[in-house]
PDB file of N, CA and C in Angstrom:
ATOM      1  N   MET A   1       9.271   2.324 -15.742  1.00  0.00           N
ATOM      2  CA  MET A   1       8.255   2.695 -14.781  1.00  0.00           C
ATOM      3  C   MET A   1       7.850   1.452 -13.998  1.00  0.00           C
ATOM      4  N   LYS A   2       7.453   1.681 -12.774  1.00  0.00           N
ATOM      5  CA  LYS A   2       7.047   0.591 -11.887  1.00  0.00           C
ATOM      6  C   LYS A   2       5.725   0.937 -11.216  1.00  0.00           C
ATOM      7  N   MET A   3       4.997  -0.112 -10.876  1.00  0.00           N
ATOM      8  CA  MET A   3       3.802   0.013 -10.051  1.00  0.00           C
ATOM      9  C   MET A   3       4.138  -0.644  -8.726  1.00  0.00           C
ATOM     10  N   ILE A   4       4.061   0.124  -7.656  1.00  0.00           N
ATOM     11  CA  ILE A   4       4.286  -0.413  -6.322  1.00  0.00           C
ATOM     12  C   ILE A   4       2.936  -0.567  -5.652  1.00  0.00           C
ATOM     13  N   THR A   5       2.679  -1.767  -5.152  1.00  0.00           N
ATOM     14  CA  THR A   5       1.459  -2.047  -4.403  1.00  0.00           C
ATOM     15  C   THR A   5       1.878  -2.418  -2.988  1.00  0.00           C
ATOM     16  N   ALA A   6       1.403  -1.667  -2.021  1.00  0.00           N
ATOM     17  CA  ALA A   6       1.706  -1.946  -0.618  1.00  0.00           C
ATOM     18  C   ALA A   6       0.404  -2.250   0.106  1.00  0.00           C
ATOM     19  N   VAL A   7       0.383  -3.349   0.837  1.00  0.00           N
ATOM     20  CA  VAL A   7      -0.767  -3.715   1.663  1.00  0.00           C
ATOM     21  C   VAL A   7      -0.332  -3.496   3.101  1.00  0.00           C
ATOM     22  N   ILE A   8      -1.012  -2.567   3.789  1.00  0.00           N
ATOM     23  CA  ILE A   8      -0.579  -2.126   5.117  1.00  0.00           C
ATOM     24  C   ILE A   8      -1.742  -2.133   6.098  1.00  0.00           C
ATOM     25  N   LYS A   9      -1.405  -1.941   7.373  1.00  0.00           N
ATOM     26  CA  LYS A   9      -2.442  -1.809   8.400  1.00  0.00           C
ATOM     27  C   LYS A   9      -3.142  -0.457   8.221  1.00  0.00           C
ATOM     28  N   PRO A  10      -4.447  -0.425   8.424  1.00  0.00           N
ATOM     29  CA  PRO A  10      -5.203   0.818   8.176  1.00  0.00           C
ATOM     30  C   PRO A  10      -4.707   2.036   8.955  1.00  0.00           C
ATOM     31  N   PHE A  11      -4.309   1.871  10.194  1.00  0.00           N
ATOM     32  CA  PHE A  11      -3.905   3.024  10.996  1.00  0.00           C
ATOM     33  C   PHE A  11      -2.541   3.578  10.588  1.00  0.00           C
ATOM     34  N   LYS A  12      -1.852   2.914   9.670  1.00  0.00           N
ATOM     35  CA  LYS A  12      -0.558   3.380   9.196  1.00  0.00           C
ATOM     36  C   LYS A  12      -0.650   4.197   7.902  1.00  0.00           C
ATOM     37  N   LEU A  13      -1.841   4.365   7.362  1.00  0.00           N
ATOM     38  CA  LEU A  13      -2.003   5.074   6.090  1.00  0.00           C
ATOM     39  C   LEU A  13      -1.472   6.505   6.142  1.00  0.00           C
ATOM     40  N   ASP A  14      -1.816   7.256   7.159  1.00  0.00           N
ATOM     41  CA  ASP A  14      -1.348   8.643   7.248  1.00  0.00           C
ATOM     42  C   ASP A  14       0.170   8.718   7.341  1.00  0.00           C
ATOM     43  N   ASP A  15       0.771   7.796   8.083  1.00  0.00           N
ATOM     44  CA  ASP A  15       2.231   7.767   8.201  1.00  0.00           C
ATOM     45  C   ASP A  15       2.883   7.480   6.853  1.00  0.00           C
ATOM     46  N   VAL A  16       2.310   6.531   6.107  1.00  0.00           N
ATOM     47  CA  VAL A  16       2.847   6.176   4.787  1.00  0.00           C
ATOM     48  C   VAL A  16       2.691   7.351   3.828  1.00  0.00           C
ATOM     49  N   ARG A  17       1.527   7.971   3.825  1.00  0.00           N
ATOM     50  CA  ARG A  17       1.306   9.128   2.951  1.00  0.00           C
ATOM     51  C   ARG A  17       2.293  10.246   3.256  1.00  0.00           C
ATOM     52  N   ASP A  18       2.482  10.543   4.529  1.00  0.00           N
ATOM     53  CA  ASP A  18       3.419  11.596   4.924  1.00  0.00           C
ATOM     54  C   ASP A  18       4.847  11.254   4.513  1.00  0.00           C
ATOM     55  N   ALA A  19       5.248  10.009   4.699  1.00  0.00           N
ATOM     56  CA  ALA A  19       6.608   9.585   4.330  1.00  0.00           C
ATOM     57  C   ALA A  19       6.828   9.706   2.824  1.00  0.00           C
ATOM     58  N   LEU A  20       5.823   9.339   2.041  1.00  0.00           N
ATOM     59  CA  LEU A  20       5.944   9.452   0.586  1.00  0.00           C
ATOM     60  C   LEU A  20       5.950  10.913   0.148  1.00  0.00           C
ATOM     61  N   ASN A  21       5.146  11.747   0.786  1.00  0.00           N
ATOM     62  CA  ASN A  21       5.148  13.182   0.475  1.00  0.00           C
ATOM     63  C   ASN A  21       6.513  13.807   0.761  1.00  0.00           C
ATOM     64  N   GLN A  22       7.170  13.371   1.821  1.00  0.00           N
ATOM     65  CA  GLN A  22       8.479  13.915   2.177  1.00  0.00           C
ATOM     66  C   GLN A  22       9.539  13.625   1.122  1.00  0.00           C
ATOM     67  N   ILE A  23       9.381  12.535   0.361  1.00  0.00           N
ATOM     68  CA  ILE A  23      10.356  12.237  -0.692  1.00  0.00           C
ATOM     69  C   ILE A  23       9.847  12.668  -2.069  1.00  0.00           C
ATOM     70  N   GLY A  24       8.750  13.418  -2.078  1.00  0.00           N
ATOM     71  CA  GLY A  24       8.263  14.003  -3.324  1.00  0.00           C
ATOM     72  C   GLY A  24       7.295  13.157  -4.118  1.00  0.00           C
ATOM     73  N   ILE A  25       6.737  12.125  -3.502  1.00  0.00           N
ATOM     74  CA  ILE A  25       5.728  11.298  -4.187  1.00  0.00           C
ATOM     75  C   ILE A  25       4.376  11.678  -3.612  1.00  0.00           C
ATOM     76  N   ALA A  26       3.550  12.311  -4.444  1.00  0.00           N
ATOM     77  CA  ALA A  26       2.283  12.836  -3.947  1.00  0.00           C
ATOM     78  C   ALA A  26       1.079  12.031  -4.419  1.00  0.00           C
ATOM     79  N   GLY A  27       1.177  11.376  -5.553  1.00  0.00           N
ATOM     80  CA  GLY A  27       0.023  10.672  -6.099  1.00  0.00           C
ATOM     81  C   GLY A  27      -0.020   9.220  -5.697  1.00  0.00           C
ATOM     82  N   MET A  28      -1.203   8.765  -5.308  1.00  0.00           N
ATOM     83  CA  MET A  28      -1.386   7.360  -4.955  1.00  0.00           C
ATOM     84  C   MET A  28      -2.859   7.009  -5.048  1.00  0.00           C
ATOM     85  N   THR A  29      -3.119   5.750  -5.140  1.00  0.00           N
ATOM     86  CA  THR A  29      -4.482   5.230  -5.110  1.00  0.00           C
ATOM     87  C   THR A  29      -4.599   4.360  -3.866  1.00  0.00           C
ATOM     88  N   VAL A  30      -5.690   4.521  -3.132  1.00  0.00           N
ATOM     89  CA  VAL A  30      -5.873   3.805  -1.875  1.00  0.00           C
ATOM     90  C   VAL A  30      -7.197   3.055  -1.912  1.00  0.00           C
ATOM     91  N   GLU A  31      -7.157   1.793  -1.476  1.00  0.00           N
ATOM     92  CA  GLU A  31      -8.371   0.976  -1.393  1.00  0.00           C
ATOM     93  C   GLU A  31      -8.433   0.302  -0.033  1.00  0.00           C
ATOM     94  N   GLU A  32      -9.635   0.147   0.495  1.00  0.00           N
ATOM     95  CA  GLU A  32      -9.822  -0.669   1.691  1.00  0.00           C
ATOM     96  C   GLU A  32     -10.033  -2.101   1.224  1.00  0.00           C
ATOM     97  N   VAL A  33      -9.232  -3.013   1.753  1.00  0.00           N
ATOM     98  CA  VAL A  33      -9.312  -4.418   1.362  1.00  0.00           C
ATOM     99  C   VAL A  33      -9.314  -5.283   2.612  1.00  0.00           C
ATOM    100  N   ASN A  34      -9.580  -6.569   2.436  1.00  0.00           N
ATOM    101  CA  ASN A  34      -9.511  -7.548   3.520  1.00  0.00           C
ATOM    102  C   ASN A  34      -8.656  -8.709   3.061  1.00  0.00           C
ATOM    103  N   GLY A  35      -7.928  -9.295   3.980  1.00  0.00           N
ATOM    104  CA  GLY A  35      -7.108 -10.432   3.610  1.00  0.00           C
ATOM    105  C   GLY A  35      -6.448 -11.045   4.825  1.00  0.00           C
ATOM    106  N   TYR A  36      -5.645 -12.067   4.565  1.00  0.00           N
ATOM    107  CA  TYR A  36      -4.866 -12.664   5.634  1.00  0.00           C
ATOM    108  C   TYR A  36      -3.656 -13.359   5.037  1.00  0.00           C
ATOM    109  N   GLY A  37      -2.673 -13.543   5.857  1.00  0.00           N
ATOM    110  CA  GLY A  37      -1.457 -14.262   5.490  1.00  0.00           C
ATOM    111  C   GLY A  37      -1.105 -15.138   6.670  1.00  0.00           C
ATOM    112  N   ARG A  38       0.099 -14.981   7.165  1.00  0.00           N
ATOM    113  CA  ARG A  38       0.503 -15.753   8.342  1.00  0.00           C
ATOM    114  C   ARG A  38      -0.307 -15.365   9.563  1.00  0.00           C
ATOM    115  N   GLN A  39      -0.826 -14.156   9.545  1.00  0.00           N
ATOM    116  CA  GLN A  39      -1.614 -13.653  10.670  1.00  0.00           C
ATOM    117  C   GLN A  39      -2.887 -14.485  10.858  1.00  0.00           C
ATOM    118  N   LYS A  40      -3.365 -15.061   9.790  1.00  0.00           N
ATOM    119  CA  LYS A  40      -4.609 -15.840   9.793  1.00  0.00           C
ATOM    120  C   LYS A  40      -5.737 -14.997  10.384  1.00  0.00           C
ATOM    121  N   GLY A  41      -6.682 -15.621  10.992  1.00  0.00           N
ATOM    122  CA  GLY A  41      -7.779 -14.884  11.600  1.00  0.00           C
ATOM    123  C   GLY A  41      -7.624 -14.850  13.105  1.00  0.00           C
ATOM    124  N   HIS A  42      -8.646 -14.360  13.755  1.00  0.00           N
ATOM    125  CA  HIS A  42      -8.646 -14.373  15.210  1.00  0.00           C
ATOM    126  C   HIS A  42     -10.077 -14.529  15.695  1.00  0.00           C
ATOM    127  N   THR A  43     -10.218 -14.906  16.953  1.00  0.00           N
ATOM    128  CA  THR A  43     -11.533 -15.125  17.545  1.00  0.00           C
ATOM    129  C   THR A  43     -11.931 -13.889  18.337  1.00  0.00           C
ATOM    130  N   GLU A  44     -13.186 -13.472  18.170  1.00  0.00           N
ATOM    131  CA  GLU A  44     -13.709 -12.339  18.929  1.00  0.00           C
ATOM    132  C   GLU A  44     -14.989 -12.750  19.630  1.00  0.00           C
ATOM    133  N   LEU A  45     -15.337 -11.992  20.645  1.00  0.00           N
ATOM    134  CA  LEU A  45     -16.573 -12.208  21.386  1.00  0.00           C
ATOM    135  C   LEU A  45     -17.520 -11.059  21.096  1.00  0.00           C
ATOM    136  N   TYR A  46     -18.755 -11.374  20.701  1.00  0.00           N
ATOM    137  CA  TYR A  46     -19.755 -10.346  20.451  1.00  0.00           C
ATOM    138  C   TYR A  46     -21.057 -10.779  21.098  1.00  0.00           C
ATOM    139  N   ARG A  47     -21.504 -10.010  22.070  1.00  0.00           N
ATOM    140  CA  ARG A  47     -22.725 -10.301  22.818  1.00  0.00           C
ATOM    141  C   ARG A  47     -22.746 -11.741  23.339  1.00  0.00           C
ATOM    142  N   GLY A  48     -21.619 -12.143  23.859  1.00  0.00           N
ATOM    143  CA  GLY A  48     -21.522 -13.466  24.465  1.00  0.00           C
ATOM    144  C   GLY A  48     -21.263 -14.598  23.493  1.00  0.00           C
ATOM    145  N   ALA A  49     -21.329 -14.324  22.192  1.00  0.00           N
ATOM    146  CA  ALA A  49     -21.092 -15.371  21.193  1.00  0.00           C
ATOM    147  C   ALA A  49     -19.671 -15.214  20.638  1.00  0.00           C
ATOM    148  N   GLU A  50     -19.011 -16.335  20.500  1.00  0.00           N
ATOM    149  CA  GLU A  50     -17.656 -16.330  19.962  1.00  0.00           C
ATOM    150  C   GLU A  50     -17.718 -16.590  18.463  1.00  0.00           C
ATOM    151  N   TYR A  51     -16.969 -15.819  17.689  1.00  0.00           N
ATOM    152  CA  TYR A  51     -16.921 -16.047  16.250  1.00  0.00           C
ATOM    153  C   TYR A  51     -15.516 -15.764  15.728  1.00  0.00           C
ATOM    154  N   VAL A  52     -15.225 -16.339  14.577  1.00  0.00           N
ATOM    155  CA  VAL A  52     -13.892 -16.224  13.997  1.00  0.00           C
ATOM    156  C   VAL A  52     -13.898 -15.151  12.916  1.00  0.00           C
ATOM    157  N   VAL A  53     -12.962 -14.215  13.011  1.00  0.00           N
ATOM    158  CA  VAL A  53     -12.751 -13.208  11.977  1.00  0.00           C
ATOM    159  C   VAL A  53     -11.588 -13.716  11.141  1.00  0.00           C
ATOM    160  N   GLU A  54     -11.880 -14.189   9.931  1.00  0.00           N
ATOM    161  CA  GLU A  54     -10.845 -14.807   9.106  1.00  0.00           C
ATOM    162  C   GLU A  54     -10.058 -13.792   8.291  1.00  0.00           C
ATOM    163  N   PHE A  55     -10.687 -12.706   7.888  1.00  0.00           N
ATOM    164  CA  PHE A  55     -10.014 -11.708   7.070  1.00  0.00           C
ATOM    165  C   PHE A  55      -9.776 -10.449   7.886  1.00  0.00           C
ATOM    166  N   GLN A  56      -8.570  -9.930   7.792  1.00  0.00           N
ATOM    167  CA  GLN A  56      -8.191  -8.728   8.516  1.00  0.00           C
ATOM    168  C   GLN A  56      -8.370  -7.509   7.608  1.00  0.00           C
ATOM    169  N   PRO A  57      -8.859  -6.395   8.139  1.00  0.00           N
ATOM    170  CA  PRO A  57      -8.946  -5.175   7.325  1.00  0.00           C
ATOM    171  C   PRO A  57      -7.547  -4.650   7.028  1.00  0.00           C
ATOM    172  N   LYS A  58      -7.319  -4.291   5.792  1.00  0.00           N
ATOM    173  CA  LYS A  58      -6.032  -3.754   5.344  1.00  0.00           C
ATOM    174  C   LYS A  58      -6.292  -2.592   4.398  1.00  0.00           C
ATOM    175  N   ILE A  59      -5.248  -1.858   4.083  1.00  0.00           N
ATOM    176  CA  ILE A  59      -5.295  -0.786   3.098  1.00  0.00           C
ATOM    177  C   ILE A  59      -4.316  -1.140   1.991  1.00  0.00           C
ATOM    178  N   LYS A  60      -4.771  -1.018   0.749  1.00  0.00           N
ATOM    179  CA  LYS A  60      -3.887  -1.244  -0.394  1.00  0.00           C
ATOM    180  C   LYS A  60      -3.563   0.106  -1.016  1.00  0.00           C
ATOM    181  N   VAL A  61      -2.272   0.415  -1.062  1.00  0.00           N
ATOM    182  CA  VAL A  61      -1.786   1.666  -1.632  1.00  0.00           C
ATOM    183  C   VAL A  61      -1.060   1.333  -2.925  1.00  0.00           C
ATOM    184  N   GLN A  62      -1.394   2.034  -4.005  1.00  0.00           N
ATOM    185  CA  GLN A  62      -0.727   1.807  -5.281  1.00  0.00           C
ATOM    186  C   GLN A  62      -0.070   3.095  -5.751  1.00  0.00           C
ATOM    187  N   LEU A  63       1.177   2.962  -6.221  1.00  0.00           N
ATOM    188  CA  LEU A  63       1.956   4.090  -6.706  1.00  0.00           C
ATOM    189  C   LEU A  63       2.527   3.751  -8.064  1.00  0.00           C
ATOM    190  N   ALA A  64       2.363   4.627  -9.026  1.00  0.00           N
ATOM    191  CA  ALA A  64       3.033   4.491 -10.317  1.00  0.00           C
ATOM    192  C   ALA A  64       4.188   5.480 -10.298  1.00  0.00           C
ATOM    193  N   ILE A  65       5.424   4.971 -10.370  1.00  0.00           N
ATOM    194  CA  ILE A  65       6.588   5.846 -10.249  1.00  0.00           C
ATOM    195  C   ILE A  65       7.673   5.467 -11.247  1.00  0.00           C
ATOM    196  N   SER A  66       8.602   6.380 -11.442  1.00  0.00           N
ATOM    197  CA  SER A  66       9.720   6.121 -12.349  1.00  0.00           C
ATOM    198  C   SER A  66      10.700   5.158 -11.683  1.00  0.00           C
ATOM    199  N   ASP A  67      11.474   4.462 -12.503  1.00  0.00           N
ATOM    200  CA  ASP A  67      12.400   3.441 -12.012  1.00  0.00           C
ATOM    201  C   ASP A  67      13.393   3.981 -10.990  1.00  0.00           C
ATOM    202  N   ASP A  68      13.829   5.216 -11.152  1.00  0.00           N
ATOM    203  CA  ASP A  68      14.855   5.756 -10.260  1.00  0.00           C
ATOM    204  C   ASP A  68      14.324   6.116  -8.871  1.00  0.00           C
ATOM    205  N   ARG A  69      13.021   6.068  -8.660  1.00  0.00           N
ATOM    206  CA  ARG A  69      12.441   6.411  -7.360  1.00  0.00           C
ATOM    207  C   ARG A  69      11.943   5.201  -6.588  1.00  0.00           C
ATOM    208  N   VAL A  70      12.085   4.003  -7.185  1.00  0.00           N
ATOM    209  CA  VAL A  70      11.530   2.795  -6.584  1.00  0.00           C
ATOM    210  C   VAL A  70      12.125   2.502  -5.209  1.00  0.00           C
ATOM    211  N   GLU A  71      13.434   2.489  -5.109  1.00  0.00           N
ATOM    212  CA  GLU A  71      14.079   2.139  -3.831  1.00  0.00           C
ATOM    213  C   GLU A  71      13.723   3.127  -2.730  1.00  0.00           C
ATOM    214  N   ALA A  72      13.681   4.409  -3.057  1.00  0.00           N
ATOM    215  CA  ALA A  72      13.317   5.418  -2.055  1.00  0.00           C
ATOM    216  C   ALA A  72      11.880   5.231  -1.585  1.00  0.00           C
ATOM    217  N   ALA A  73      10.985   4.900  -2.511  1.00  0.00           N
ATOM    218  CA  ALA A  73       9.579   4.678  -2.154  1.00  0.00           C
ATOM    219  C   ALA A  73       9.425   3.449  -1.280  1.00  0.00           C
ATOM    220  N   ILE A  74      10.126   2.369  -1.629  1.00  0.00           N
ATOM    221  CA  ILE A  74      10.052   1.143  -0.830  1.00  0.00           C
ATOM    222  C   ILE A  74      10.561   1.407   0.588  1.00  0.00           C
ATOM    223  N   GLU A  75      11.674   2.096   0.692  1.00  0.00           N
ATOM    224  CA  GLU A  75      12.243   2.401   2.006  1.00  0.00           C
ATOM    225  C   GLU A  75      11.286   3.261   2.829  1.00  0.00           C
ATOM    226  N   ALA A  76      10.677   4.255   2.200  1.00  0.00           N
ATOM    227  CA  ALA A  76       9.741   5.139   2.909  1.00  0.00           C
ATOM    228  C   ALA A  76       8.531   4.363   3.421  1.00  0.00           C
ATOM    229  N   VAL A  77       7.971   3.493   2.583  1.00  0.00           N
ATOM    230  CA  VAL A  77       6.806   2.705   2.996  1.00  0.00           C
ATOM    231  C   VAL A  77       7.182   1.738   4.113  1.00  0.00           C
ATOM    232  N   CYS A  78       8.316   1.064   3.965  1.00  0.00           N
ATOM    233  CA  CYS A  78       8.751   0.115   4.996  1.00  0.00           C
ATOM    234  C   CYS A  78       8.919   0.789   6.356  1.00  0.00           C
ATOM    235  N   LYS A  79       9.581   1.918   6.372  1.00  0.00           N
ATOM    236  CA  LYS A  79       9.800   2.620   7.640  1.00  0.00           C
ATOM    237  C   LYS A  79       8.488   3.108   8.241  1.00  0.00           C
ATOM    238  N   ALA A  80       7.618   3.659   7.406  1.00  0.00           N
ATOM    239  CA  ALA A  80       6.377   4.248   7.906  1.00  0.00           C
ATOM    240  C   ALA A  80       5.351   3.200   8.332  1.00  0.00           C
ATOM    241  N   ALA A  81       5.326   2.047   7.680  1.00  0.00           N
ATOM    242  CA  ALA A  81       4.296   1.038   7.952  1.00  0.00           C
ATOM    243  C   ALA A  81       4.725   0.016   8.998  1.00  0.00           C
ATOM    244  N   ASN A  82       5.984   0.033   9.389  1.00  0.00           N
ATOM    245  CA  ASN A  82       6.503  -0.993  10.289  1.00  0.00           C
ATOM    246  C   ASN A  82       6.051  -0.766  11.722  1.00  0.00           C
ATOM    247  N   THR A  83       5.461  -1.807  12.323  1.00  0.00           N
ATOM    248  CA  THR A  83       5.157  -1.806  13.755  1.00  0.00           C
ATOM    249  C   THR A  83       5.987  -2.859  14.469  1.00  0.00           C
ATOM    250  N   GLY A  84       6.585  -3.764  13.690  1.00  0.00           N
ATOM    251  CA  GLY A  84       7.352  -4.848  14.266  1.00  0.00           C
ATOM    252  C   GLY A  84       6.502  -6.026  14.687  1.00  0.00           C
ATOM    253  N   LYS A  85       5.222  -5.973  14.365  1.00  0.00           N
ATOM    254  CA  LYS A  85       4.305  -7.047  14.748  1.00  0.00           C
ATOM    255  C   LYS A  85       3.782  -7.755  13.505  1.00  0.00           C
ATOM    256  N   ILE A  86       3.277  -8.944  13.694  1.00  0.00           N
ATOM    257  CA  ILE A  86       2.738  -9.722  12.594  1.00  0.00           C
ATOM    258  C   ILE A  86       1.593  -8.951  11.931  1.00  0.00           C
ATOM    259  N   GLY A  87       1.512  -9.038  10.615  1.00  0.00           N
ATOM    260  CA  GLY A  87       0.441  -8.368   9.882  1.00  0.00           C
ATOM    261  C   GLY A  87       0.796  -6.982   9.387  1.00  0.00           C
ATOM    262  N   ASP A  88       2.076  -6.593   9.451  1.00  0.00           N
ATOM    263  CA  ASP A  88       2.475  -5.266   8.974  1.00  0.00           C
ATOM    264  C   ASP A  88       2.225  -5.092   7.482  1.00  0.00           C
ATOM    265  N   GLY A  89       2.246  -6.170   6.718  1.00  0.00           N
ATOM    266  CA  GLY A  89       1.901  -6.073   5.303  1.00  0.00           C
ATOM    267  C   GLY A  89       2.998  -6.516   4.371  1.00  0.00           C
ATOM    268  N   LYS A  90       2.788  -6.218   3.102  1.00  0.00           N
ATOM    269  CA  LYS A  90       3.709  -6.607   2.039  1.00  0.00           C
ATOM    270  C   LYS A  90       3.801  -5.475   1.022  1.00  0.00           C
ATOM    271  N   ILE A  91       4.905  -5.486   0.268  1.00  0.00           N
ATOM    272  CA  ILE A  91       5.083  -4.563  -0.848  1.00  0.00           C
ATOM    273  C   ILE A  91       5.371  -5.401  -2.087  1.00  0.00           C
ATOM    274  N   PHE A  92       4.663  -5.103  -3.163  1.00  0.00           N
ATOM    275  CA  PHE A  92       4.853  -5.787  -4.440  1.00  0.00           C
ATOM    276  C   PHE A  92       5.282  -4.749  -5.472  1.00  0.00           C
ATOM    277  N   VAL A  93       6.259  -5.092  -6.288  1.00  0.00           N
ATOM    278  CA  VAL A  93       6.742  -4.181  -7.327  1.00  0.00           C
ATOM    279  C   VAL A  93       6.524  -4.860  -8.673  1.00  0.00           C
ATOM    280  N   HIS A  94       5.812  -4.165  -9.574  1.00  0.00           N
ATOM    281  CA  HIS A  94       5.496  -4.693 -10.899  1.00  0.00           C
ATOM    282  C   HIS A  94       6.051  -3.753 -11.965  1.00  0.00           C
ATOM    283  N   ASP A  95       6.412  -4.320 -13.099  1.00  0.00           N
ATOM    284  CA  ASP A  95       6.756  -3.480 -14.245  1.00  0.00           C
ATOM    285  C   ASP A  95       5.489  -2.825 -14.764  1.00  0.00           C
ATOM    286  N   LEU A  96       5.602  -1.580 -15.150  1.00  0.00           N
ATOM    287  CA  LEU A  96       4.469  -0.829 -15.680  1.00  0.00           C
ATOM    288  C   LEU A  96       4.775  -0.540 -17.139  1.00  0.00           C
ATOM    289  N   GLU A  97       4.033  -1.166 -18.019  1.00  0.00           N
ATOM    290  CA  GLU A  97       4.330  -1.090 -19.442  1.00  0.00           C
ATOM    291  C   GLU A  97       4.044   0.275 -20.038  1.00  0.00           C
ATOM    292  N   GLN A  98       2.908   0.850 -19.681  1.00  0.00           N
ATOM    293  CA  GLN A  98       2.540   2.133 -20.274  1.00  0.00           C
ATOM    294  C   GLN A  98       1.649   2.913 -19.326  1.00  0.00           C
ATOM    295  N   THR A  99       1.792   4.229 -19.364  1.00  0.00           N
ATOM    296  CA  THR A  99       0.948   5.123 -18.585  1.00  0.00           C
ATOM    297  C   THR A  99       0.480   6.251 -19.499  1.00  0.00           C
ATOM    298  N   ILE A 100      -0.794   6.582 -19.396  1.00  0.00           N
ATOM    299  CA  ILE A 100      -1.357   7.653 -20.224  1.00  0.00           C
ATOM    300  C   ILE A 100      -2.180   8.574 -19.338  1.00  0.00           C
ATOM    301  N   ARG A 101      -1.921   9.874 -19.423  1.00  0.00           N
ATOM    302  CA  ARG A 101      -2.738  10.860 -18.706  1.00  0.00           C
ATOM    303  C   ARG A 101      -3.932  11.162 -19.596  1.00  0.00           C
ATOM    304  N   ILE A 102      -5.112  10.877 -19.129  1.00  0.00           N
ATOM    305  CA  ILE A 102      -6.325  11.014 -19.936  1.00  0.00           C
ATOM    306  C   ILE A 102      -6.553  12.457 -20.369  1.00  0.00           C
ATOM    307  N   ARG A 103      -6.389  13.402 -19.456  1.00  0.00           N
ATOM    308  CA  ARG A 103      -6.682  14.808 -19.749  1.00  0.00           C
ATOM    309  C   ARG A 103      -5.848  15.361 -20.887  1.00  0.00           C
ATOM    310  N   THR A 104      -4.530  15.071 -20.888  1.00  0.00           N
ATOM    311  CA  THR A 104      -3.636  15.684 -21.868  1.00  0.00           C
ATOM    312  C   THR A 104      -3.161  14.746 -22.973  1.00  0.00           C
ATOM    313  N   GLY A 105      -3.318  13.435 -22.737  1.00  0.00           N
ATOM    314  CA  GLY A 105      -2.820  12.476 -23.707  1.00  0.00           C
ATOM    315  C   GLY A 105      -1.345  12.171 -23.542  1.00  0.00           C
ATOM    316  N   GLU A 106      -0.676  12.773 -22.549  1.00  0.00           N
ATOM    317  CA  GLU A 106       0.729  12.480 -22.317  1.00  0.00           C
ATOM    318  C   GLU A 106       0.886  10.996 -21.995  1.00  0.00           C
ATOM    319  N   SER A 107       2.039  10.440 -22.350  1.00  0.00           N
ATOM    320  CA  SER A 107       2.258   9.040 -22.051  1.00  0.00           C
ATOM    321  C   SER A 107       3.657   8.830 -21.468  1.00  0.00           C
ATOM    322  N   GLY A 108       3.873   7.639 -20.958  1.00  0.00           N
ATOM    323  CA  GLY A 108       5.155   7.295 -20.340  1.00  0.00           C
ATOM    324  C   GLY A 108       5.368   8.064 -19.050  1.00  0.00           C
ATOM    325  N   GLU A 109       6.637   8.383 -18.757  1.00  0.00           N
ATOM    326  CA  GLU A 109       6.950   9.069 -17.490  1.00  0.00           C
ATOM    327  C   GLU A 109       6.395  10.483 -17.452  1.00  0.00           C
ATOM    328  N   ASP A 110       6.109  11.097 -18.614  1.00  0.00           N
ATOM    329  CA  ASP A 110       5.485  12.422 -18.623  1.00  0.00           C
ATOM    330  C   ASP A 110       4.097  12.379 -17.999  1.00  0.00           C
ATOM    331  N   ALA A 111       3.439  11.231 -18.064  1.00  0.00           N
ATOM    332  CA  ALA A 111       2.092  11.094 -17.520  1.00  0.00           C
ATOM    333  C   ALA A 111       2.096  10.906 -16.001  1.00  0.00           C
ATOM    334  N   LEU A 112       3.250  10.596 -15.443  1.00  0.00           N
ATOM    335  CA  LEU A 112       3.325  10.397 -13.997  1.00  0.00           C
ATOM    336  C   LEU A 112       3.309  11.750 -13.299  1.00  0.00           C
TER     337      LEU A 112
END
């Protein structure tokens, strides 16, 4: 089992969700986060005052999936989240040691 964490632009969330649904992945956890990478910050003007926005708003999507679906999920997220511009995001893949469904007590891939 793997945990896929994708950090994407907020306006791409619906596209990513739809792409994952099309390949049969329906469950995910979504968080609003802030961060920066190579994009760094940018300067904005507000009521005549200039200020630096150092952290960019992003969405973090987490998926717990079986090993055989990892490549399809990565491809779906990459295609759906890509704008071709800086700040499109990153995908991280982690080993998932154990999963337990609280309601039924199922564990492992049965809990997914």
